[in-house]
């Protein structure tokens, strides 16, 4: 999959990454749209004391559920 990755302050690269795997107790999502917030922009421009590189920014997403872990409440793949 393609991802925007912050490699260091001021260094953003678009690159291929490994496809994610559904975590135990989690869900695997197909991201349909993603936004970055002001904090993401600040982390790109100036870094952040708690940030570890490399980092894929963006956490405001609209997504489709592709797969679910065993112990999640019943959602259904294909419903966004």
PDB file of N, CA and C in Angstrom:
ATOM      1  N   UNK A   1       0.842  -1.173   0.000  1.00  0.00           N
ATOM      2  CA  UNK A   1       0.000   0.000   0.000  1.00  0.00           C
ATOM      3  C   UNK A   1       0.885   1.232   0.000  1.00  0.00           C
ATOM      4  N   UNK A   2       0.369   2.338  -0.460  1.00  0.00           N
ATOM      5  CA  UNK A   2       1.081   3.610  -0.441  1.00  0.00           C
ATOM      6  C   UNK A   2       0.792   4.315   0.876  1.00  0.00           C
ATOM      7  N   UNK A   3       1.792   5.014   1.401  1.00  0.00           N
ATOM      8  CA  UNK A   3       1.613   5.773   2.632  1.00  0.00           C
ATOM      9  C   UNK A   3       2.515   6.998   2.612  1.00  0.00           C
ATOM     10  N   UNK A   4       2.034   8.061   3.231  1.00  0.00           N
ATOM     11  CA  UNK A   4       2.863   9.242   3.483  1.00  0.00           C
ATOM     12  C   UNK A   4       3.563   8.981   4.812  1.00  0.00           C
ATOM     13  N   UNK A   5       4.877   9.068   4.828  1.00  0.00           N
ATOM     14  CA  UNK A   5       5.645   8.750   6.034  1.00  0.00           C
ATOM     15  C   UNK A   5       6.518   9.939   6.412  1.00  0.00           C
ATOM     16  N   UNK A   6       6.386  10.382   7.670  1.00  0.00           N
ATOM     17  CA  UNK A   6       7.285  11.413   8.187  1.00  0.00           C
ATOM     18  C   UNK A   6       8.549  10.689   8.625  1.00  0.00           C
ATOM     19  N   UNK A   7       9.661  10.987   7.948  1.00  0.00           N
ATOM     20  CA  UNK A   7      10.937  10.332   8.248  1.00  0.00           C
ATOM     21  C   UNK A   7      11.720  11.099   9.306  1.00  0.00           C
ATOM     22  N   UNK A   8      11.580  12.410   9.325  1.00  0.00           N
ATOM     23  CA  UNK A   8      12.196  13.311  10.293  1.00  0.00           C
ATOM     24  C   UNK A   8      11.525  14.661  10.099  1.00  0.00           C
ATOM     25  N   UNK A   9      11.733  15.630  11.006  1.00  0.00           N
ATOM     26  CA  UNK A   9      11.100  16.932  10.808  1.00  0.00           C
ATOM     27  C   UNK A   9      11.429  17.495   9.416  1.00  0.00           C
ATOM     28  N   UNK A  10      10.388  17.859   8.674  1.00  0.00           N
ATOM     29  CA  UNK A  10      10.555  18.423   7.344  1.00  0.00           C
ATOM     30  C   UNK A  10      10.752  17.408   6.234  1.00  0.00           C
ATOM     31  N   UNK A  11      10.760  16.119   6.555  1.00  0.00           N
ATOM     32  CA  UNK A  11      11.023  15.076   5.556  1.00  0.00           C
ATOM     33  C   UNK A  11       9.828  14.129   5.463  1.00  0.00           C
ATOM     34  N   UNK A  12       8.963  14.366   4.457  1.00  0.00           N
ATOM     35  CA  UNK A  12       7.796  13.542   4.213  1.00  0.00           C
ATOM     36  C   UNK A  12       7.977  12.834   2.885  1.00  0.00           C
ATOM     37  N   UNK A  13       7.800  11.510   2.891  1.00  0.00           N
ATOM     38  CA  UNK A  13       7.951  10.725   1.672  1.00  0.00           C
ATOM     39  C   UNK A  13       6.682   9.918   1.430  1.00  0.00           C
ATOM     40  N   UNK A  14       6.311   9.780   0.167  1.00  0.00           N
ATOM     41  CA  UNK A  14       5.236   8.882  -0.232  1.00  0.00           C
ATOM     42  C   UNK A  14       5.933   7.604  -0.697  1.00  0.00           C
ATOM     43  N   UNK A  15       5.597   6.484  -0.070  1.00  0.00           N
ATOM     44  CA  UNK A  15       6.310   5.252  -0.362  1.00  0.00           C
ATOM     45  C   UNK A  15       5.394   4.045  -0.232  1.00  0.00           C
ATOM     46  N   UNK A  16       5.836   2.924  -0.778  1.00  0.00           N
ATOM     47  CA  UNK A  16       5.120   1.667  -0.591  1.00  0.00           C
ATOM     48  C   UNK A  16       5.476   1.101   0.777  1.00  0.00           C
ATOM     49  N   UNK A  17       4.474   0.581   1.469  1.00  0.00           N
ATOM     50  CA  UNK A  17       4.693  -0.066   2.761  1.00  0.00           C
ATOM     51  C   UNK A  17       4.046  -1.444   2.716  1.00  0.00           C
ATOM     52  N   UNK A  18       4.352  -2.257   3.710  1.00  0.00           N
ATOM     53  CA  UNK A  18       3.733  -3.576   3.782  1.00  0.00           C
ATOM     54  C   UNK A  18       2.243  -3.439   4.075  1.00  0.00           C
ATOM     55  N   UNK A  19       1.449  -4.343   3.517  1.00  0.00           N
ATOM     56  CA  UNK A  19       0.027  -4.345   3.831  1.00  0.00           C
ATOM     57  C   UNK A  19      -0.151  -4.707   5.303  1.00  0.00           C
ATOM     58  N   UNK A  20      -1.064  -4.028   6.000  1.00  0.00           N
ATOM     59  CA  UNK A  20      -1.268  -4.324   7.420  1.00  0.00           C
ATOM     60  C   UNK A  20      -1.964  -5.668   7.611  1.00  0.00           C
ATOM     61  N   UNK A  21      -1.836  -6.200   8.814  1.00  0.00           N
ATOM     62  CA  UNK A  21      -2.465  -7.463   9.211  1.00  0.00           C
ATOM     63  C   UNK A  21      -3.456  -7.134  10.317  1.00  0.00           C
ATOM     64  N   UNK A  22      -4.594  -7.801  10.323  1.00  0.00           N
ATOM     65  CA  UNK A  22      -5.593  -7.571  11.354  1.00  0.00           C
ATOM     66  C   UNK A  22      -5.041  -7.993  12.718  1.00  0.00           C
ATOM     67  N   UNK A  23      -4.993  -7.052  13.684  1.00  0.00           N
ATOM     68  CA  UNK A  23      -4.477  -7.403  15.004  1.00  0.00           C
ATOM     69  C   UNK A  23      -5.514  -8.155  15.830  1.00  0.00           C
ATOM     70  N   UNK A  24      -5.047  -8.958  16.769  1.00  0.00           N
ATOM     71  CA  UNK A  24      -5.944  -9.645  17.687  1.00  0.00           C
ATOM     72  C   UNK A  24      -6.712  -8.585  18.475  1.00  0.00           C
ATOM     73  N   UNK A  25      -8.014  -8.713  18.531  1.00  0.00           N
ATOM     74  CA  UNK A  25      -8.824  -7.745  19.261  1.00  0.00           C
ATOM     75  C   UNK A  25      -9.035  -6.438  18.517  1.00  0.00           C
ATOM     76  N   UNK A  26      -8.644  -6.378  17.256  1.00  0.00           N
ATOM     77  CA  UNK A  26      -8.774  -5.160  16.470  1.00  0.00           C
ATOM     78  C   UNK A  26      -9.516  -5.398  15.181  1.00  0.00           C
ATOM     79  N   UNK A  27      -9.404  -4.435  14.304  1.00  0.00           N
ATOM     80  CA  UNK A  27     -10.069  -4.532  13.008  1.00  0.00           C
ATOM     81  C   UNK A  27      -9.120  -4.036  11.926  1.00  0.00           C
ATOM     82  N   UNK A  28      -9.242  -4.610  10.757  1.00  0.00           N
ATOM     83  CA  UNK A  28      -8.486  -4.174   9.591  1.00  0.00           C
ATOM     84  C   UNK A  28      -9.429  -3.336   8.740  1.00  0.00           C
ATOM     85  N   UNK A  29      -9.004  -2.127   8.410  1.00  0.00           N
ATOM     86  CA  UNK A  29      -9.852  -1.193   7.683  1.00  0.00           C
ATOM     87  C   UNK A  29      -9.269  -0.871   6.323  1.00  0.00           C
ATOM     88  N   UNK A  30     -10.137  -0.656   5.355  1.00  0.00           N
ATOM     89  CA  UNK A  30      -9.743  -0.115   4.060  1.00  0.00           C
ATOM     90  C   UNK A  30     -10.066   1.367   4.132  1.00  0.00           C
ATOM     91  N   UNK A  31      -9.038   2.193   4.165  1.00  0.00           N
ATOM     92  CA  UNK A  31      -9.231   3.636   4.301  1.00  0.00           C
ATOM     93  C   UNK A  31      -9.780   4.193   2.995  1.00  0.00           C
ATOM     94  N   UNK A  32     -10.897   4.887   3.095  1.00  0.00           N
ATOM     95  CA  UNK A  32     -11.521   5.512   1.944  1.00  0.00           C
ATOM     96  C   UNK A  32     -11.107   6.983   1.830  1.00  0.00           C
ATOM     97  N   UNK A  33     -10.905   7.629   2.979  1.00  0.00           N
ATOM     98  CA  UNK A  33     -10.437   9.013   3.023  1.00  0.00           C
ATOM     99  C   UNK A  33      -9.739   9.227   4.354  1.00  0.00           C
ATOM    100  N   UNK A  34      -8.714  10.057   4.366  1.00  0.00           N
ATOM    101  CA  UNK A  34      -7.970  10.342   5.589  1.00  0.00           C
ATOM    102  C   UNK A  34      -7.572  11.808   5.588  1.00  0.00           C
ATOM    103  N   UNK A  35      -7.644  12.434   6.734  1.00  0.00           N
ATOM    104  CA  UNK A  35      -7.239  13.824   6.871  1.00  0.00           C
ATOM    105  C   UNK A  35      -6.110  13.915   7.884  1.00  0.00           C
ATOM    106  N   UNK A  36      -5.351  14.965   7.804  1.00  0.00           N
ATOM    107  CA  UNK A  36      -4.338  15.246   8.815  1.00  0.00           C
ATOM    108  C   UNK A  36      -4.794  16.459   9.600  1.00  0.00           C
ATOM    109  N   UNK A  37      -4.445  16.488  10.865  1.00  0.00           N
ATOM    110  CA  UNK A  37      -4.841  17.603  11.720  1.00  0.00           C
ATOM    111  C   UNK A  37      -3.659  18.553  11.916  1.00  0.00           C
ATOM    112  N   UNK A  38      -3.903  19.632  12.622  1.00  0.00           N
ATOM    113  CA  UNK A  38      -2.862  20.620  12.883  1.00  0.00           C
ATOM    114  C   UNK A  38      -1.667  20.029  13.608  1.00  0.00           C
ATOM    115  N   UNK A  39      -1.910  19.079  14.509  1.00  0.00           N
ATOM    116  CA  UNK A  39      -0.805  18.448  15.226  1.00  0.00           C
ATOM    117  C   UNK A  39       0.071  17.644  14.266  1.00  0.00           C
ATOM    118  N   UNK A  40      -0.548  16.962  13.293  1.00  0.00           N
ATOM    119  CA  UNK A  40       0.229  16.229  12.288  1.00  0.00           C
ATOM    120  C   UNK A  40       1.142  17.190  11.523  1.00  0.00           C
ATOM    121  N   UNK A  41       0.615  18.338  11.148  1.00  0.00           N
ATOM    122  CA  UNK A  41       1.408  19.333  10.412  1.00  0.00           C
ATOM    123  C   UNK A  41       2.550  19.845  11.290  1.00  0.00           C
ATOM    124  N   UNK A  42       2.266  20.124  12.563  1.00  0.00           N
ATOM    125  CA  UNK A  42       3.325  20.580  13.485  1.00  0.00           C
ATOM    126  C   UNK A  42       4.404  19.514  13.641  1.00  0.00           C
ATOM    127  N   UNK A  43       3.981  18.223  13.726  1.00  0.00           N
ATOM    128  CA  UNK A  43       4.963  17.139  13.853  1.00  0.00           C
ATOM    129  C   UNK A  43       5.840  17.070  12.616  1.00  0.00           C
ATOM    130  N   UNK A  44       5.256  17.283  11.436  1.00  0.00           N
ATOM    131  CA  UNK A  44       6.046  17.279  10.204  1.00  0.00           C
ATOM    132  C   UNK A  44       7.016  18.456  10.186  1.00  0.00           C
ATOM    133  N   UNK A  45       6.531  19.622  10.533  1.00  0.00           N
ATOM    134  CA  UNK A  45       7.362  20.821  10.428  1.00  0.00           C
ATOM    135  C   UNK A  45       8.406  20.934  11.538  1.00  0.00           C
ATOM    136  N   UNK A  46       8.030  20.555  12.772  1.00  0.00           N
ATOM    137  CA  UNK A  46       8.909  20.824  13.917  1.00  0.00           C
ATOM    138  C   UNK A  46       9.268  19.605  14.754  1.00  0.00           C
ATOM    139  N   UNK A  47       8.673  18.451  14.458  1.00  0.00           N
ATOM    140  CA  UNK A  47       8.890  17.281  15.306  1.00  0.00           C
ATOM    141  C   UNK A  47       8.016  17.365  16.545  1.00  0.00           C
ATOM    142  N   UNK A  48       8.185  16.418  17.434  1.00  0.00           N
ATOM    143  CA  UNK A  48       7.430  16.379  18.689  1.00  0.00           C
ATOM    144  C   UNK A  48       8.220  15.510  19.661  1.00  0.00           C
ATOM    145  N   UNK A  49       8.233  15.893  20.922  1.00  0.00           N
ATOM    146  CA  UNK A  49       9.066  15.181  21.906  1.00  0.00           C
ATOM    147  C   UNK A  49       8.685  13.711  22.060  1.00  0.00           C
ATOM    148  N   UNK A  50       7.423  13.358  21.810  1.00  0.00           N
ATOM    149  CA  UNK A  50       6.972  11.971  21.959  1.00  0.00           C
ATOM    150  C   UNK A  50       6.914  11.210  20.644  1.00  0.00           C
ATOM    151  N   UNK A  51       7.322  11.835  19.543  1.00  0.00           N
ATOM    152  CA  UNK A  51       7.218  11.221  18.222  1.00  0.00           C
ATOM    153  C   UNK A  51       8.419  10.342  17.937  1.00  0.00           C
ATOM    154  N   UNK A  52       8.147   9.158  17.451  1.00  0.00           N
ATOM    155  CA  UNK A  52       9.208   8.244  17.001  1.00  0.00           C
ATOM    156  C   UNK A  52       9.093   8.097  15.495  1.00  0.00           C
ATOM    157  N   UNK A  53      10.226   8.196  14.837  1.00  0.00           N
ATOM    158  CA  UNK A  53      10.256   8.098  13.377  1.00  0.00           C
ATOM    159  C   UNK A  53      10.617   6.692  12.948  1.00  0.00           C
ATOM    160  N   UNK A  54      10.160   6.256  11.797  1.00  0.00           N
ATOM    161  CA  UNK A  54       9.225   6.909  10.882  1.00  0.00           C
ATOM    162  C   UNK A  54       7.801   6.837  11.427  1.00  0.00           C
ATOM    163  N   UNK A  55       6.948   7.736  10.944  1.00  0.00           N
ATOM    164  CA  UNK A  55       5.574   7.839  11.433  1.00  0.00           C
ATOM    165  C   UNK A  55       4.634   8.085  10.263  1.00  0.00           C
ATOM    166  N   UNK A  56       3.531   7.344  10.198  1.00  0.00           N
ATOM    167  CA  UNK A  56       2.492   7.598   9.207  1.00  0.00           C
ATOM    168  C   UNK A  56       1.455   8.503   9.881  1.00  0.00           C
ATOM    169  N   UNK A  57       1.317   9.754   9.418  1.00  0.00           N
ATOM    170  CA  UNK A  57       0.365  10.669  10.054  1.00  0.00           C
ATOM    171  C   UNK A  57      -1.060  10.412   9.586  1.00  0.00           C
ATOM    172  N   UNK A  58      -1.992  11.030  10.270  1.00  0.00           N
ATOM    173  CA  UNK A  58      -3.397  10.963   9.889  1.00  0.00           C
ATOM    174  C   UNK A  58      -4.160   9.973  10.730  1.00  0.00           C
ATOM    175  N   UNK A  59      -5.165  10.453  11.405  1.00  0.00           N
ATOM    176  CA  UNK A  59      -5.963   9.554  12.229  1.00  0.00           C
ATOM    177  C   UNK A  59      -7.456   9.844  12.110  1.00  0.00           C
ATOM    178  N   UNK A  60      -7.819  10.816  11.307  1.00  0.00           N
ATOM    179  CA  UNK A  60      -9.226  11.083  11.039  1.00  0.00           C
ATOM    180  C   UNK A  60      -9.572  10.357   9.741  1.00  0.00           C
ATOM    181  N   UNK A  61     -10.254   9.222   9.859  1.00  0.00           N
ATOM    182  CA  UNK A  61     -10.473   8.390   8.676  1.00  0.00           C
ATOM    183  C   UNK A  61     -11.944   8.055   8.470  1.00  0.00           C
ATOM    184  N   UNK A  62     -12.270   7.808   7.224  1.00  0.00           N
ATOM    185  CA  UNK A  62     -13.502   7.146   6.834  1.00  0.00           C
ATOM    186  C   UNK A  62     -13.047   5.842   6.210  1.00  0.00           C
ATOM    187  N   UNK A  63     -13.597   4.724   6.684  1.00  0.00           N
ATOM    188  CA  UNK A  63     -13.058   3.443   6.255  1.00  0.00           C
ATOM    189  C   UNK A  63     -14.144   2.381   6.170  1.00  0.00           C
ATOM    190  N   UNK A  64     -13.802   1.328   5.469  1.00  0.00           N
ATOM    191  CA  UNK A  64     -14.651   0.148   5.351  1.00  0.00           C
ATOM    192  C   UNK A  64     -13.990  -0.963   6.164  1.00  0.00           C
ATOM    193  N   UNK A  65     -14.783  -1.684   6.960  1.00  0.00           N
ATOM    194  CA  UNK A  65     -14.253  -2.805   7.734  1.00  0.00           C
ATOM    195  C   UNK A  65     -13.982  -3.961   6.781  1.00  0.00           C
ATOM    196  N   UNK A  66     -12.741  -4.440   6.758  1.00  0.00           N
ATOM    197  CA  UNK A  66     -12.345  -5.553   5.898  1.00  0.00           C
ATOM    198  C   UNK A  66     -12.318  -6.868   6.677  1.00  0.00           C
ATOM    199  N   UNK A  67     -11.804  -6.800   7.909  1.00  0.00           N
ATOM    200  CA  UNK A  67     -11.648  -8.012   8.726  1.00  0.00           C
ATOM    201  C   UNK A  67     -11.704  -7.597  10.188  1.00  0.00           C
ATOM    202  N   UNK A  68     -12.184  -8.512  11.040  1.00  0.00           N
ATOM    203  CA  UNK A  68     -12.287  -8.216  12.466  1.00  0.00           C
ATOM    204  C   UNK A  68     -11.629  -9.294  13.299  1.00  0.00           C
ATOM    205  N   UNK A  69     -11.046  -8.869  14.431  1.00  0.00           N
ATOM    206  CA  UNK A  69     -10.494  -9.814  15.384  1.00  0.00           C
ATOM    207  C   UNK A  69     -11.612 -10.602  16.050  1.00  0.00           C
ATOM    208  N   UNK A  70     -11.271 -11.683  16.711  1.00  0.00           N
ATOM    209  CA  UNK A  70     -12.259 -12.591  17.287  1.00  0.00           C
ATOM    210  C   UNK A  70     -13.089 -11.995  18.416  1.00  0.00           C
ATOM    211  N   UNK A  71     -12.515 -11.103  19.209  1.00  0.00           N
ATOM    212  CA  UNK A  71     -13.207 -10.666  20.413  1.00  0.00           C
ATOM    213  C   UNK A  71     -13.766  -9.249  20.322  1.00  0.00           C
ATOM    214  N   UNK A  72     -14.214  -8.844  19.143  1.00  0.00           N
ATOM    215  CA  UNK A  72     -14.852  -7.542  18.984  1.00  0.00           C
ATOM    216  C   UNK A  72     -16.359  -7.692  18.912  1.00  0.00           C
ATOM    217  N   UNK A  73     -17.061  -6.600  19.232  1.00  0.00           N
ATOM    218  CA  UNK A  73     -18.517  -6.623  19.101  1.00  0.00           C
ATOM    219  C   UNK A  73     -18.875  -6.865  17.639  1.00  0.00           C
ATOM    220  N   UNK A  74     -20.035  -7.410  17.364  1.00  0.00           N
ATOM    221  CA  UNK A  74     -20.350  -7.799  15.983  1.00  0.00           C
ATOM    222  C   UNK A  74     -20.622  -6.627  15.040  1.00  0.00           C
ATOM    223  N   UNK A  75     -19.600  -6.251  14.287  1.00  0.00           N
ATOM    224  CA  UNK A  75     -19.754  -5.369  13.130  1.00  0.00           C
ATOM    225  C   UNK A  75     -19.652  -6.289  11.936  1.00  0.00           C
ATOM    226  N   UNK A  76     -19.965  -5.805  10.795  1.00  0.00           N
ATOM    227  CA  UNK A  76     -19.976  -6.669   9.628  1.00  0.00           C
ATOM    228  C   UNK A  76     -19.088  -6.121   8.514  1.00  0.00           C
ATOM    229  N   UNK A  77     -18.158  -6.937   8.005  1.00  0.00           N
ATOM    230  CA  UNK A  77     -17.307  -6.480   6.901  1.00  0.00           C
ATOM    231  C   UNK A  77     -18.146  -5.915   5.755  1.00  0.00           C
ATOM    232  N   UNK A  78     -17.653  -4.829   5.186  1.00  0.00           N
ATOM    233  CA  UNK A  78     -18.336  -4.197   4.066  1.00  0.00           C
ATOM    234  C   UNK A  78     -19.229  -3.047   4.465  1.00  0.00           C
ATOM    235  N   UNK A  79     -19.490  -2.850   5.763  1.00  0.00           N
ATOM    236  CA  UNK A  79     -20.322  -1.733   6.216  1.00  0.00           C
ATOM    237  C   UNK A  79     -19.389  -0.637   6.728  1.00  0.00           C
ATOM    238  N   UNK A  80     -19.532   0.555   6.181  1.00  0.00           N
ATOM    239  CA  UNK A  80     -18.663   1.659   6.626  1.00  0.00           C
ATOM    240  C   UNK A  80     -19.419   2.589   7.533  1.00  0.00           C
TER     241      UNK A  80
END
